[in-house]
Structure formats: C-alpha cells, structure tokens
Amino acid sequence: MLKGMSEKREHPNAPLHGVTLEKMLNELVDFYGWDDMACRIRINCFAKDPSVKSSLKFLRKTPWARYKVEDLYKHFKQVE
C-alpha cells in the first residue's frame, strides 16, 4: 500500500482533521467569549485586548497554548 493512502485513512478519524486553528478559535470565542476563554485558558492574548489575529500569532508559536486550545475545542465539540 502506498504511504499517502494509509495516511488518508488515518486522518479522517482524528478529531481535529481538517479544522484550522483559526476555525477552532473563532468557534470557541463565539461560544464562550473572550472573558470565559481567558478564565479557561490563562494566557494574556485572551485577557488583554484580545483579537483573533493576535491570538493566532501567539498560538502558532507557542505549542503548549495551542494544545490547550485544541483540547478545549475537542471537549466543546463533544458537548455540542
């Protein structure tokens, strides 16, 4: 079997497959709001003058914070 074919079979089962960080962030902010996001994930980009653009910049270069957003998004999608 070709490598690319096996990878395609694995990814559709991954909970975040096809979901961009921007889409996750927008859905979470629409549902929770910035204040609740700042309480759930304690990072300054959610608490002080928050914006999607500045948050994405921080999350893309800070793996531990991105993982927290991804975990919250997975939980959000299970509850939804």
Protein backbone atom coordinates (compact mmCIF):
# COMPACT_ATOMS: atom_id res chain seq x y z
CA MET A 1 0.00 0.00 0.00
CA LEU A 2 1.25 3.49 -0.77
CA LYS A 3 2.27 5.68 2.12
CA GLY A 4 -0.10 8.51 1.15
CA MET A 5 -3.07 6.15 1.01
CA SER A 6 -2.56 4.83 4.53
CA GLU A 7 -2.17 8.36 5.88
CA LYS A 8 -5.50 9.39 4.34
CA ARG A 9 -7.22 6.52 6.09
CA GLU A 10 -5.79 7.52 9.48
CA HIS A 11 -6.56 11.23 9.40
CA PRO A 12 -10.34 11.22 8.91
CA ASN A 13 -10.69 9.56 12.31
CA ALA A 14 -8.58 12.24 14.01
CA PRO A 15 -10.87 14.66 15.87
CA LEU A 16 -9.14 17.77 14.53
CA HIS A 17 -8.72 16.62 10.94
CA GLY A 18 -9.48 19.45 8.54
CA VAL A 19 -10.06 22.02 11.29
CA THR A 20 -7.80 25.06 11.19
CA LEU A 21 -6.59 26.79 14.31
CA GLU A 22 -8.45 29.91 13.17
CA LYS A 23 -11.73 27.99 12.83
CA MET A 24 -11.27 26.47 16.30
CA LEU A 25 -10.56 29.84 17.84
CA ASN A 26 -13.49 31.55 16.13
CA GLU A 27 -15.94 28.85 17.22
CA LEU A 28 -14.67 28.88 20.79
CA VAL A 29 -14.79 32.68 21.05
CA ASP A 30 -18.27 32.78 19.51
CA PHE A 31 -19.49 30.27 22.10
CA TYR A 32 -17.53 31.23 25.24
CA GLY A 33 -16.47 34.84 24.60
CA TRP A 34 -13.04 36.26 25.34
CA ASP A 35 -13.57 36.61 29.11
CA ASP A 36 -14.54 32.97 29.57
CA MET A 37 -11.72 31.87 27.25
CA ALA A 38 -9.27 33.82 29.43
CA CYS A 39 -10.61 32.01 32.51
CA ARG A 40 -10.45 28.59 30.89
CA ILE A 41 -7.01 29.06 29.33
CA ARG A 42 -4.89 31.55 31.22
CA ILE A 43 -2.94 33.34 28.53
CA ASN A 44 -2.65 37.10 28.11
CA CYS A 45 -3.71 37.16 24.47
CA PHE A 46 -7.20 36.13 25.61
CA ALA A 47 -7.31 38.53 28.57
CA LYS A 48 -5.68 41.78 27.43
CA ASP A 49 -7.02 43.45 24.28
CA PRO A 50 -7.89 40.11 22.65
CA SER A 51 -8.23 39.61 18.93
CA VAL A 52 -8.24 36.57 16.68
CA LYS A 53 -5.21 37.84 14.79
CA SER A 54 -3.01 38.38 17.86
CA SER A 55 -4.17 35.14 19.45
CA LEU A 56 -3.39 33.14 16.32
CA LYS A 57 0.08 34.66 16.15
CA PHE A 58 0.76 33.64 19.76
CA LEU A 59 -0.82 30.18 19.46
CA ARG A 60 1.12 29.33 16.30
CA LYS A 61 4.46 29.92 18.01
CA THR A 62 3.52 28.52 21.45
CA PRO A 63 2.77 24.78 21.29
CA TRP A 64 1.63 24.36 24.91
CA ALA A 65 -1.01 27.08 24.48
CA ARG A 66 -2.15 25.68 21.12
CA TYR A 67 -2.59 22.23 22.71
CA LYS A 68 -4.81 23.76 25.41
CA VAL A 69 -6.99 25.41 22.75
CA GLU A 70 -7.17 22.13 20.82
CA ASP A 71 -8.17 20.23 23.98
CA LEU A 72 -10.87 22.78 24.79
CA TYR A 73 -12.14 22.56 21.21
CA LYS A 74 -12.32 18.74 21.37
CA HIS A 75 -14.31 18.99 24.61
CA PHE A 76 -16.54 21.71 23.12
CA LYS A 77 -17.34 19.51 20.09
CA GLN A 78 -18.20 16.51 22.30
CA VAL A 79 -20.63 18.57 24.38
CA GLU A 80 -22.17 20.37 21.40
